[in-house]
Amino acid sequence: MTVTPFVYVGAALTEIAGCFSFWVWLRMGQSPLWVVPGIVSLALFAWLLTLVDSDAAGRAYAAYGGVYIFASLGWLWAVEGLRPDRWDIAGASICLIGAAVILLGPRTG
């Protein structure tokens, strides 16, 4: 079994957490010290994406985009307390289907 789905989920959580730390600092007026765990989280995110089982970085990043969108809506609900609506879920589902096509589609030569 490939670890790619787990890597994508971990990457999404670390990217969202890293970006959210900047949001907390700049948009919510909290201490600039929020940036420190954000930078660590974003570095971990970048490292995790290097673990994806793909022959091309761009393809790995493109497929990751669908996972990121879905995970962002989970963050919206779990952390920010806003439940995604049907349009959020429909859009994220379309993106996940696209990610699966990119990642799992047959490749020639």
PDB file of N, CA and C in Angstrom:
ATOM      1  N   MET A   1       0.835  -1.190   0.000  1.00  0.00           N
ATOM      2  CA  MET A   1       0.000   0.000   0.000  1.00  0.00           C
ATOM      3  C   MET A   1       0.881   1.255   0.000  1.00  0.00           C
ATOM      4  N   THR A   2       0.545   2.171  -0.836  1.00  0.00           N
ATOM      5  CA  THR A   2       1.312   3.401  -0.933  1.00  0.00           C
ATOM      6  C   THR A   2       0.989   4.339   0.233  1.00  0.00           C
ATOM      7  N   VAL A   3       1.955   5.131   0.598  1.00  0.00           N
ATOM      8  CA  VAL A   3       1.759   6.077   1.702  1.00  0.00           C
ATOM      9  C   VAL A   3       1.271   7.435   1.211  1.00  0.00           C
ATOM     10  N   THR A   4       1.117   7.589  -0.095  1.00  0.00           N
ATOM     11  CA  THR A   4       0.757   8.885  -0.660  1.00  0.00           C
ATOM     12  C   THR A   4      -0.481   9.514  -0.028  1.00  0.00           C
ATOM     13  N   PRO A   5      -1.579   8.792   0.166  1.00  0.00           N
ATOM     14  CA  PRO A   5      -2.747   9.446   0.790  1.00  0.00           C
ATOM     15  C   PRO A   5      -2.429  10.006   2.183  1.00  0.00           C
ATOM     16  N   PHE A   6      -1.644   9.268   2.955  1.00  0.00           N
ATOM     17  CA  PHE A   6      -1.283   9.730   4.294  1.00  0.00           C
ATOM     18  C   PHE A   6      -0.358  10.937   4.238  1.00  0.00           C
ATOM     19  N   VAL A   7       0.554  10.915   3.271  1.00  0.00           N
ATOM     20  CA  VAL A   7       1.456  12.054   3.095  1.00  0.00           C
ATOM     21  C   VAL A   7       0.660  13.298   2.712  1.00  0.00           C
ATOM     22  N   TYR A   8      -0.299  13.141   1.804  1.00  0.00           N
ATOM     23  CA  TYR A   8      -1.118  14.275   1.392  1.00  0.00           C
ATOM     24  C   TYR A   8      -1.925  14.845   2.556  1.00  0.00           C
ATOM     25  N   VAL A   9      -2.481  13.995   3.374  1.00  0.00           N
ATOM     26  CA  VAL A   9      -3.249  14.475   4.532  1.00  0.00           C
ATOM     27  C   VAL A   9      -2.324  15.205   5.503  1.00  0.00           C
ATOM     28  N   GLY A  10      -1.164  14.629   5.774  1.00  0.00           N
ATOM     29  CA  GLY A  10      -0.196  15.293   6.653  1.00  0.00           C
ATOM     30  C   GLY A  10       0.275  16.617   6.083  1.00  0.00           C
ATOM     31  N   ALA A  11       0.523  16.639   4.777  1.00  0.00           N
ATOM     32  CA  ALA A  11       0.950  17.875   4.124  1.00  0.00           C
ATOM     33  C   ALA A  11      -0.139  18.941   4.220  1.00  0.00           C
ATOM     34  N   ALA A  12      -1.374  18.535   4.003  1.00  0.00           N
ATOM     35  CA  ALA A  12      -2.476  19.500   4.074  1.00  0.00           C
ATOM     36  C   ALA A  12      -2.592  20.096   5.473  1.00  0.00           C
ATOM     37  N   LEU A  13      -2.533  19.242   6.484  1.00  0.00           N
ATOM     38  CA  LEU A  13      -2.659  19.741   7.853  1.00  0.00           C
ATOM     39  C   LEU A  13      -1.506  20.669   8.234  1.00  0.00           C
ATOM     40  N   THR A  14      -0.288  20.319   7.816  1.00  0.00           N
ATOM     41  CA  THR A  14       0.846  21.184   8.161  1.00  0.00           C
ATOM     42  C   THR A  14       0.824  22.490   7.366  1.00  0.00           C
ATOM     43  N   GLU A  15       0.401  22.435   6.114  1.00  0.00           N
ATOM     44  CA  GLU A  15       0.321  23.682   5.345  1.00  0.00           C
ATOM     45  C   GLU A  15      -0.765  24.600   5.900  1.00  0.00           C
ATOM     46  N   ILE A  16      -1.914  24.049   6.181  1.00  0.00           N
ATOM     47  CA  ILE A  16      -3.016  24.862   6.696  1.00  0.00           C
ATOM     48  C   ILE A  16      -2.639  25.443   8.056  1.00  0.00           C
ATOM     49  N   ALA A  17      -2.060  24.632   8.926  1.00  0.00           N
ATOM     50  CA  ALA A  17      -1.652  25.130  10.249  1.00  0.00           C
ATOM     51  C   ALA A  17      -0.601  26.224  10.115  1.00  0.00           C
ATOM     52  N   GLY A  18       0.358  26.032   9.212  1.00  0.00           N
ATOM     53  CA  GLY A  18       1.394  27.045   9.013  1.00  0.00           C
ATOM     54  C   GLY A  18       0.828  28.354   8.503  1.00  0.00           C
ATOM     55  N   CYS A  19      -0.050  28.275   7.527  1.00  0.00           N
ATOM     56  CA  CYS A  19      -0.668  29.489   6.989  1.00  0.00           C
ATOM     57  C   CYS A  19      -1.599  30.135   8.013  1.00  0.00           C
ATOM     58  N   PHE A  20      -2.286  29.301   8.785  1.00  0.00           N
ATOM     59  CA  PHE A  20      -3.198  29.838   9.798  1.00  0.00           C
ATOM     60  C   PHE A  20      -2.442  30.615  10.865  1.00  0.00           C
ATOM     61  N   SER A  21      -1.222  30.194  11.167  1.00  0.00           N
ATOM     62  CA  SER A  21      -0.435  30.939  12.167  1.00  0.00           C
ATOM     63  C   SER A  21      -0.166  32.371  11.686  1.00  0.00           C
ATOM     64  N   PHE A  22       0.078  32.536  10.404  1.00  0.00           N
ATOM     65  CA  PHE A  22       0.251  33.883   9.859  1.00  0.00           C
ATOM     66  C   PHE A  22      -1.075  34.648   9.897  1.00  0.00           C
ATOM     67  N   TRP A  23      -2.172  33.951   9.632  1.00  0.00           N
ATOM     68  CA  TRP A  23      -3.513  34.556   9.695  1.00  0.00           C
ATOM     69  C   TRP A  23      -3.777  35.092  11.105  1.00  0.00           C
ATOM     70  N   VAL A  24      -3.447  34.255  12.097  1.00  0.00           N
ATOM     71  CA  VAL A  24      -3.663  34.653  13.493  1.00  0.00           C
ATOM     72  C   VAL A  24      -2.859  35.907  13.821  1.00  0.00           C
ATOM     73  N   TRP A  25      -1.628  35.952  13.362  1.00  0.00           N
ATOM     74  CA  TRP A  25      -0.780  37.107  13.623  1.00  0.00           C
ATOM     75  C   TRP A  25      -1.277  38.344  12.870  1.00  0.00           C
ATOM     76  N   LEU A  26      -1.447  38.234  11.572  1.00  0.00           N
ATOM     77  CA  LEU A  26      -1.725  39.407  10.750  1.00  0.00           C
ATOM     78  C   LEU A  26      -3.191  39.828  10.708  1.00  0.00           C
ATOM     79  N   ARG A  27      -4.107  38.880  10.780  1.00  0.00           N
ATOM     80  CA  ARG A  27      -5.526  39.220  10.655  1.00  0.00           C
ATOM     81  C   ARG A  27      -6.251  39.284  11.988  1.00  0.00           C
ATOM     82  N   MET A  28      -5.690  38.580  12.982  1.00  0.00           N
ATOM     83  CA  MET A  28      -6.354  38.549  14.280  1.00  0.00           C
ATOM     84  C   MET A  28      -5.599  39.346  15.344  1.00  0.00           C
ATOM     85  N   GLY A  29      -4.488  39.978  14.915  1.00  0.00           N
ATOM     86  CA  GLY A  29      -3.753  40.866  15.803  1.00  0.00           C
ATOM     87  C   GLY A  29      -3.021  40.198  16.950  1.00  0.00           C
ATOM     88  N   GLN A  30      -2.660  38.942  16.792  1.00  0.00           N
ATOM     89  CA  GLN A  30      -1.937  38.247  17.854  1.00  0.00           C
ATOM     90  C   GLN A  30      -0.428  38.476  17.725  1.00  0.00           C
ATOM     91  N   SER A  31       0.314  37.946  18.647  1.00  0.00           N
ATOM     92  CA  SER A  31       1.762  38.120  18.716  1.00  0.00           C
ATOM     93  C   SER A  31       2.457  37.605  17.452  1.00  0.00           C
ATOM     94  N   PRO A  32       3.511  38.298  17.032  1.00  0.00           N
ATOM     95  CA  PRO A  32       4.307  37.806  15.901  1.00  0.00           C
ATOM     96  C   PRO A  32       4.972  36.453  16.193  1.00  0.00           C
ATOM     97  N   LEU A  33       5.005  36.060  17.445  1.00  0.00           N
ATOM     98  CA  LEU A  33       5.579  34.759  17.785  1.00  0.00           C
ATOM     99  C   LEU A  33       4.787  33.604  17.170  1.00  0.00           C
ATOM    100  N   TRP A  34       3.559  33.859  16.747  1.00  0.00           N
ATOM    101  CA  TRP A  34       2.770  32.851  16.042  1.00  0.00           C
ATOM    102  C   TRP A  34       3.467  32.396  14.757  1.00  0.00           C
ATOM    103  N   VAL A  35       4.342  33.234  14.230  1.00  0.00           N
ATOM    104  CA  VAL A  35       5.032  32.909  12.983  1.00  0.00           C
ATOM    105  C   VAL A  35       6.016  31.751  13.168  1.00  0.00           C
ATOM    106  N   VAL A  36       6.596  31.624  14.352  1.00  0.00           N
ATOM    107  CA  VAL A  36       7.613  30.592  14.580  1.00  0.00           C
ATOM    108  C   VAL A  36       7.059  29.182  14.333  1.00  0.00           C
ATOM    109  N   PRO A  37       5.979  28.774  14.988  1.00  0.00           N
ATOM    110  CA  PRO A  37       5.462  27.440  14.662  1.00  0.00           C
ATOM    111  C   PRO A  37       4.940  27.360  13.227  1.00  0.00           C
ATOM    112  N   GLY A  38       4.521  28.509  12.690  1.00  0.00           N
ATOM    113  CA  GLY A  38       4.060  28.529  11.308  1.00  0.00           C
ATOM    114  C   GLY A  38       5.163  28.183  10.331  1.00  0.00           C
ATOM    115  N   ILE A  39       6.330  28.736  10.550  1.00  0.00           N
ATOM    116  CA  ILE A  39       7.471  28.461   9.671  1.00  0.00           C
ATOM    117  C   ILE A  39       7.891  26.996   9.787  1.00  0.00           C
ATOM    118  N   VAL A  40       7.921  26.480  11.002  1.00  0.00           N
ATOM    119  CA  VAL A  40       8.266  25.071  11.201  1.00  0.00           C
ATOM    120  C   VAL A  40       7.244  24.178  10.491  1.00  0.00           C
ATOM    121  N   SER A  41       5.982  24.513  10.647  1.00  0.00           N
ATOM    122  CA  SER A  41       4.915  23.736  10.019  1.00  0.00           C
ATOM    123  C   SER A  41       5.017  23.777   8.499  1.00  0.00           C
ATOM    124  N   LEU A  42       5.309  24.944   7.936  1.00  0.00           N
ATOM    125  CA  LEU A  42       5.428  25.050   6.476  1.00  0.00           C
ATOM    126  C   LEU A  42       6.649  24.311   5.949  1.00  0.00           C
ATOM    127  N   ALA A  43       7.733  24.285   6.719  1.00  0.00           N
ATOM    128  CA  ALA A  43       8.909  23.509   6.315  1.00  0.00           C
ATOM    129  C   ALA A  43       8.582  22.013   6.320  1.00  0.00           C
ATOM    130  N   LEU A  44       7.848  21.571   7.331  1.00  0.00           N
ATOM    131  CA  LEU A  44       7.424  20.171   7.392  1.00  0.00           C
ATOM    132  C   LEU A  44       6.518  19.829   6.216  1.00  0.00           C
ATOM    133  N   PHE A  45       5.633  20.742   5.878  1.00  0.00           N
ATOM    134  CA  PHE A  45       4.767  20.568   4.718  1.00  0.00           C
ATOM    135  C   PHE A  45       5.593  20.329   3.445  1.00  0.00           C
ATOM    136  N   ALA A  46       6.579  21.178   3.214  1.00  0.00           N
ATOM    137  CA  ALA A  46       7.401  21.048   2.005  1.00  0.00           C
ATOM    138  C   ALA A  46       8.141  19.712   1.992  1.00  0.00           C
ATOM    139  N   TRP A  47       8.657  19.300   3.123  1.00  0.00           N
ATOM    140  CA  TRP A  47       9.357  18.030   3.205  1.00  0.00           C
ATOM    141  C   TRP A  47       8.404  16.871   2.917  1.00  0.00           C
ATOM    142  N   LEU A  48       7.203  16.927   3.494  1.00  0.00           N
ATOM    143  CA  LEU A  48       6.236  15.851   3.283  1.00  0.00           C
ATOM    144  C   LEU A  48       5.915  15.660   1.800  1.00  0.00           C
ATOM    145  N   LEU A  49       5.775  16.760   1.068  1.00  0.00           N
ATOM    146  CA  LEU A  49       5.453  16.608  -0.358  1.00  0.00           C
ATOM    147  C   LEU A  49       6.557  15.922  -1.142  1.00  0.00           C
ATOM    148  N   THR A  50       7.790  15.951  -0.642  1.00  0.00           N
ATOM    149  CA  THR A  50       8.866  15.227  -1.338  1.00  0.00           C
ATOM    150  C   THR A  50       8.723  13.722  -1.188  1.00  0.00           C
ATOM    151  N   LEU A  51       7.875  13.275  -0.269  1.00  0.00           N
ATOM    152  CA  LEU A  51       7.673  11.841  -0.036  1.00  0.00           C
ATOM    153  C   LEU A  51       6.602  11.228  -0.927  1.00  0.00           C
ATOM    154  N   VAL A  52       5.902  12.054  -1.695  1.00  0.00           N
ATOM    155  CA  VAL A  52       4.825  11.559  -2.550  1.00  0.00           C
ATOM    156  C   VAL A  52       5.405  10.675  -3.649  1.00  0.00           C
ATOM    157  N   ASP A  53       4.733   9.557  -3.885  1.00  0.00           N
ATOM    158  CA  ASP A  53       5.151   8.608  -4.915  1.00  0.00           C
ATOM    159  C   ASP A  53       4.726   9.131  -6.288  1.00  0.00           C
ATOM    160  N   SER A  54       5.554   9.990  -6.868  1.00  0.00           N
ATOM    161  CA  SER A  54       5.275  10.577  -8.174  1.00  0.00           C
ATOM    162  C   SER A  54       6.591  10.810  -8.892  1.00  0.00           C
ATOM    163  N   ASP A  55       6.562  10.686 -10.213  1.00  0.00           N
ATOM    164  CA  ASP A  55       7.782  10.907 -10.985  1.00  0.00           C
ATOM    165  C   ASP A  55       8.005  12.378 -11.311  1.00  0.00           C
ATOM    166  N   ALA A  56       7.032  13.232 -11.006  1.00  0.00           N
ATOM    167  CA  ALA A  56       7.151  14.661 -11.334  1.00  0.00           C
ATOM    168  C   ALA A  56       6.567  15.501 -10.200  1.00  0.00           C
ATOM    169  N   ALA A  57       7.309  16.493  -9.781  1.00  0.00           N
ATOM    170  CA  ALA A  57       6.869  17.360  -8.691  1.00  0.00           C
ATOM    171  C   ALA A  57       5.560  18.068  -9.035  1.00  0.00           C
ATOM    172  N   GLY A  58       5.452  18.592 -10.236  1.00  0.00           N
ATOM    173  CA  GLY A  58       4.246  19.318 -10.625  1.00  0.00           C
ATOM    174  C   GLY A  58       2.999  18.464 -10.557  1.00  0.00           C
ATOM    175  N   ARG A  59       3.119  17.206 -10.940  1.00  0.00           N
ATOM    176  CA  ARG A  59       1.973  16.294 -10.871  1.00  0.00           C
ATOM    177  C   ARG A  59       1.611  16.006  -9.414  1.00  0.00           C
ATOM    178  N   ALA A  60       2.617  15.825  -8.583  1.00  0.00           N
ATOM    179  CA  ALA A  60       2.361  15.591  -7.154  1.00  0.00           C
ATOM    180  C   ALA A  60       1.667  16.799  -6.539  1.00  0.00           C
ATOM    181  N   TYR A  61       2.111  17.997  -6.890  1.00  0.00           N
ATOM    182  CA  TYR A  61       1.513  19.217  -6.334  1.00  0.00           C
ATOM    183  C   TYR A  61       0.088  19.421  -6.848  1.00  0.00           C
ATOM    184  N   ALA A  62      -0.127  19.125  -8.118  1.00  0.00           N
ATOM    185  CA  ALA A  62      -1.466  19.292  -8.696  1.00  0.00           C
ATOM    186  C   ALA A  62      -2.466  18.362  -8.023  1.00  0.00           C
ATOM    187  N   ALA A  63      -2.077  17.113  -7.846  1.00  0.00           N
ATOM    188  CA  ALA A  63      -2.977  16.158  -7.190  1.00  0.00           C
ATOM    189  C   ALA A  63      -3.197  16.559  -5.732  1.00  0.00           C
ATOM    190  N   TYR A  64      -2.178  17.064  -5.101  1.00  0.00           N
ATOM    191  CA  TYR A  64      -2.288  17.512  -3.703  1.00  0.00           C
ATOM    192  C   TYR A  64      -3.324  18.629  -3.554  1.00  0.00           C
ATOM    193  N   GLY A  65      -3.490  19.437  -4.577  1.00  0.00           N
ATOM    194  CA  GLY A  65      -4.417  20.561  -4.503  1.00  0.00           C
ATOM    195  C   GLY A  65      -5.825  20.139  -4.113  1.00  0.00           C
ATOM    196  N   GLY A  66      -6.304  19.033  -4.625  1.00  0.00           N
ATOM    197  CA  GLY A  66      -7.639  18.556  -4.274  1.00  0.00           C
ATOM    198  C   GLY A  66      -7.737  18.167  -2.811  1.00  0.00           C
ATOM    199  N   VAL A  67      -6.697  17.515  -2.310  1.00  0.00           N
ATOM    200  CA  VAL A  67      -6.666  17.127  -0.902  1.00  0.00           C
ATOM    201  C   VAL A  67      -6.630  18.373  -0.024  1.00  0.00           C
ATOM    202  N   TYR A  68      -5.838  19.353  -0.427  1.00  0.00           N
ATOM    203  CA  TYR A  68      -5.722  20.609   0.329  1.00  0.00           C
ATOM    204  C   TYR A  68      -7.084  21.294   0.440  1.00  0.00           C
ATOM    205  N   ILE A  69      -7.810  21.359  -0.642  1.00  0.00           N
ATOM    206  CA  ILE A  69      -9.125  22.018  -0.631  1.00  0.00           C
ATOM    207  C   ILE A  69     -10.073  21.298   0.326  1.00  0.00           C
ATOM    208  N   PHE A  70     -10.105  19.982   0.257  1.00  0.00           N
ATOM    209  CA  PHE A  70     -10.977  19.214   1.145  1.00  0.00           C
ATOM    210  C   PHE A  70     -10.568  19.403   2.600  1.00  0.00           C
ATOM    211  N   ALA A  71      -9.264  19.330   2.871  1.00  0.00           N
ATOM    212  CA  ALA A  71      -8.770  19.503   4.242  1.00  0.00           C
ATOM    213  C   ALA A  71      -9.045  20.915   4.761  1.00  0.00           C
ATOM    214  N   SER A  72      -8.975  21.906   3.884  1.00  0.00           N
ATOM    215  CA  SER A  72      -9.254  23.282   4.297  1.00  0.00           C
ATOM    216  C   SER A  72     -10.681  23.435   4.795  1.00  0.00           C
ATOM    217  N   LEU A  73     -11.603  22.728   4.175  1.00  0.00           N
ATOM    218  CA  LEU A  73     -12.987  22.780   4.640  1.00  0.00           C
ATOM    219  C   LEU A  73     -13.142  22.066   5.979  1.00  0.00           C
ATOM    220  N   GLY A  74     -12.365  21.012   6.181  1.00  0.00           N
ATOM    221  CA  GLY A  74     -12.349  20.368   7.498  1.00  0.00           C
ATOM    222  C   GLY A  74     -11.820  21.309   8.560  1.00  0.00           C
ATOM    223  N   TRP A  75     -10.794  22.071   8.216  1.00  0.00           N
ATOM    224  CA  TRP A  75     -10.225  23.081   9.130  1.00  0.00           C
ATOM    225  C   TRP A  75     -11.273  24.158   9.425  1.00  0.00           C
ATOM    226  N   LEU A  76     -11.955  24.594   8.387  1.00  0.00           N
ATOM    227  CA  LEU A  76     -13.008  25.602   8.539  1.00  0.00           C
ATOM    228  C   LEU A  76     -14.004  25.162   9.610  1.00  0.00           C
ATOM    229  N   TRP A  77     -14.375  23.900   9.560  1.00  0.00           N
ATOM    230  CA  TRP A  77     -15.373  23.371  10.482  1.00  0.00           C
ATOM    231  C   TRP A  77     -14.775  23.125  11.873  1.00  0.00           C
ATOM    232  N   ALA A  78     -13.640  22.411  11.923  1.00  0.00           N
ATOM    233  CA  ALA A  78     -13.065  21.988  13.207  1.00  0.00           C
ATOM    234  C   ALA A  78     -12.431  23.130  13.996  1.00  0.00           C
ATOM    235  N   VAL A  79     -11.749  24.031  13.314  1.00  0.00           N
ATOM    236  CA  VAL A  79     -11.000  25.076  14.012  1.00  0.00           C
ATOM    237  C   VAL A  79     -11.754  26.400  14.059  1.00  0.00           C
ATOM    238  N   GLU A  80     -12.365  26.766  12.935  1.00  0.00           N
ATOM    239  CA  GLU A  80     -13.034  28.062  12.873  1.00  0.00           C
ATOM    240  C   GLU A  80     -14.520  27.998  13.220  1.00  0.00           C
ATOM    241  N   GLY A  81     -15.035  26.792  13.375  1.00  0.00           N
ATOM    242  CA  GLY A  81     -16.413  26.622  13.805  1.00  0.00           C
ATOM    243  C   GLY A  81     -17.477  26.959  12.772  1.00  0.00           C
ATOM    244  N   LEU A  82     -17.096  26.973  11.490  1.00  0.00           N
ATOM    245  CA  LEU A  82     -18.054  27.243  10.416  1.00  0.00           C
ATOM    246  C   LEU A  82     -18.263  25.969   9.610  1.00  0.00           C
ATOM    247  N   ARG A  83     -19.485  25.499   9.596  1.00  0.00           N
ATOM    248  CA  ARG A  83     -19.782  24.262   8.885  1.00  0.00           C
ATOM    249  C   ARG A  83     -19.829  24.503   7.380  1.00  0.00           C
ATOM    250  N   PRO A  84     -19.088  23.693   6.611  1.00  0.00           N
ATOM    251  CA  PRO A  84     -19.146  23.833   5.149  1.00  0.00           C
ATOM    252  C   PRO A  84     -20.561  23.586   4.635  1.00  0.00           C
ATOM    253  N   ASP A  85     -20.957  24.343   3.620  1.00  0.00           N
ATOM    254  CA  ASP A  85     -22.286  24.135   3.047  1.00  0.00           C
ATOM    255  C   ASP A  85     -22.194  23.155   1.873  1.00  0.00           C
ATOM    256  N   ARG A  86     -23.330  22.899   1.247  1.00  0.00           N
ATOM    257  CA  ARG A  86     -23.366  21.903   0.170  1.00  0.00           C
ATOM    258  C   ARG A  86     -22.486  22.306  -1.006  1.00  0.00           C
ATOM    259  N   TRP A  87     -22.330  23.597  -1.247  1.00  0.00           N
ATOM    260  CA  TRP A  87     -21.495  24.056  -2.351  1.00  0.00           C
ATOM    261  C   TRP A  87     -20.026  23.840  -2.035  1.00  0.00           C
ATOM    262  N   ASP A  88     -19.655  24.032  -0.780  1.00  0.00           N
ATOM    263  CA  ASP A  88     -18.283  23.732  -0.369  1.00  0.00           C
ATOM    264  C   ASP A  88     -17.979  22.251  -0.595  1.00  0.00           C
ATOM    265  N   ILE A  89     -18.897  21.401  -0.141  1.00  0.00           N
ATOM    266  CA  ILE A  89     -18.699  19.954  -0.265  1.00  0.00           C
ATOM    267  C   ILE A  89     -18.687  19.520  -1.730  1.00  0.00           C
ATOM    268  N   ALA A  90     -19.588  20.064  -2.529  1.00  0.00           N
ATOM    269  CA  ALA A  90     -19.622  19.717  -3.956  1.00  0.00           C
ATOM    270  C   ALA A  90     -18.316  20.128  -4.640  1.00  0.00           C
ATOM    271  N   GLY A  91     -17.868  21.339  -4.383  1.00  0.00           N
ATOM    272  CA  GLY A  91     -16.624  21.810  -4.996  1.00  0.00           C
ATOM    273  C   GLY A  91     -15.425  20.984  -4.577  1.00  0.00           C
ATOM    274  N   ALA A  92     -15.335  20.671  -3.286  1.00  0.00           N
ATOM    275  CA  ALA A  92     -14.217  19.866  -2.797  1.00  0.00           C
ATOM    276  C   ALA A  92     -14.260  18.457  -3.386  1.00  0.00           C
ATOM    277  N   SER A  93     -15.446  17.910  -3.537  1.00  0.00           N
ATOM    278  CA  SER A  93     -15.579  16.566  -4.125  1.00  0.00           C
ATOM    279  C   SER A  93     -15.101  16.547  -5.574  1.00  0.00           C
ATOM    280  N   ILE A  94     -15.460  17.570  -6.316  1.00  0.00           N
ATOM    281  CA  ILE A  94     -14.991  17.675  -7.703  1.00  0.00           C
ATOM    282  C   ILE A  94     -13.465  17.747  -7.738  1.00  0.00           C
ATOM    283  N   CYS A  95     -12.895  18.510  -6.821  1.00  0.00           N
ATOM    284  CA  CYS A  95     -11.432  18.646  -6.769  1.00  0.00           C
ATOM    285  C   CYS A  95     -10.759  17.322  -6.411  1.00  0.00           C
ATOM    286  N   LEU A  96     -11.356  16.568  -5.483  1.00  0.00           N
ATOM    287  CA  LEU A  96     -10.787  15.266  -5.130  1.00  0.00           C
ATOM    288  C   LEU A  96     -10.849  14.286  -6.300  1.00  0.00           C
ATOM    289  N   ILE A  97     -11.915  14.341  -7.056  1.00  0.00           N
ATOM    290  CA  ILE A  97     -12.006  13.490  -8.249  1.00  0.00           C
ATOM    291  C   ILE A  97     -10.910  13.879  -9.240  1.00  0.00           C
ATOM    292  N   GLY A  98     -10.723  15.169  -9.421  1.00  0.00           N
ATOM    293  CA  GLY A  98      -9.655  15.635 -10.303  1.00  0.00           C
ATOM    294  C   GLY A  98      -8.283  15.206  -9.817  1.00  0.00           C
ATOM    295  N   ALA A  99      -8.063  15.284  -8.515  1.00  0.00           N
ATOM    296  CA  ALA A  99      -6.786  14.860  -7.941  1.00  0.00           C
ATOM    297  C   ALA A  99      -6.547  13.371  -8.196  1.00  0.00           C
ATOM    298  N   ALA A 100      -7.600  12.572  -8.046  1.00  0.00           N
ATOM    299  CA  ALA A 100      -7.470  11.133  -8.287  1.00  0.00           C
ATOM    300  C   ALA A 100      -7.139  10.848  -9.751  1.00  0.00           C
ATOM    301  N   VAL A 101      -7.759  11.571 -10.655  1.00  0.00           N
ATOM    302  CA  VAL A 101      -7.472  11.384 -12.085  1.00  0.00           C
ATOM    303  C   VAL A 101      -6.006  11.713 -12.366  1.00  0.00           C
ATOM    304  N   ILE A 102      -5.531  12.822 -11.812  1.00  0.00           N
ATOM    305  CA  ILE A 102      -4.131  13.218 -12.024  1.00  0.00           C
ATOM    306  C   ILE A 102      -3.176  12.189 -11.461  1.00  0.00           C
ATOM    307  N   LEU A 103      -3.433  11.763 -10.253  1.00  0.00           N
ATOM    308  CA  LEU A 103      -2.507  10.875  -9.549  1.00  0.00           C
ATOM    309  C   LEU A 103      -2.566   9.441 -10.044  1.00  0.00           C
ATOM    310  N   LEU A 104      -3.752   8.953 -10.382  1.00  0.00           N
ATOM    311  CA  LEU A 104      -3.915   7.532 -10.681  1.00  0.00           C
ATOM    312  C   LEU A 104      -4.094   7.223 -12.174  1.00  0.00           C
ATOM    313  N   GLY A 105      -4.202   8.247 -12.991  1.00  0.00           N
ATOM    314  CA  GLY A 105      -4.397   8.018 -14.418  1.00  0.00           C
ATOM    315  C   GLY A 105      -3.234   7.259 -15.035  1.00  0.00           C
ATOM    316  N   PRO A 106      -3.541   6.399 -16.019  1.00  0.00           N
ATOM    317  CA  PRO A 106      -2.465   5.635 -16.661  1.00  0.00           C
ATOM    318  C   PRO A 106      -1.513   6.554 -17.422  1.00  0.00           C
ATOM    319  N   ARG A 107      -0.259   6.275 -17.317  1.00  0.00           N
ATOM    320  CA  ARG A 107       0.778   7.074 -17.983  1.00  0.00           C
ATOM    321  C   ARG A 107       1.410   6.259 -19.102  1.00  0.00           C
ATOM    322  N   THR A 108       1.654   6.922 -20.207  1.00  0.00           N
ATOM    323  CA  THR A 108       2.359   6.276 -21.305  1.00  0.00           C
ATOM    324  C   THR A 108       3.707   6.959 -21.497  1.00  0.00           C
ATOM    325  N   GLY A 109       4.710   6.133 -21.703  1.00  0.00           N
ATOM    326  CA  GLY A 109       6.063   6.589 -21.983  1.00  0.00           C
ATOM    327  C   GLY A 109       6.509   7.717 -21.295  1.00  0.00           C
TER     328      GLY A 109
END
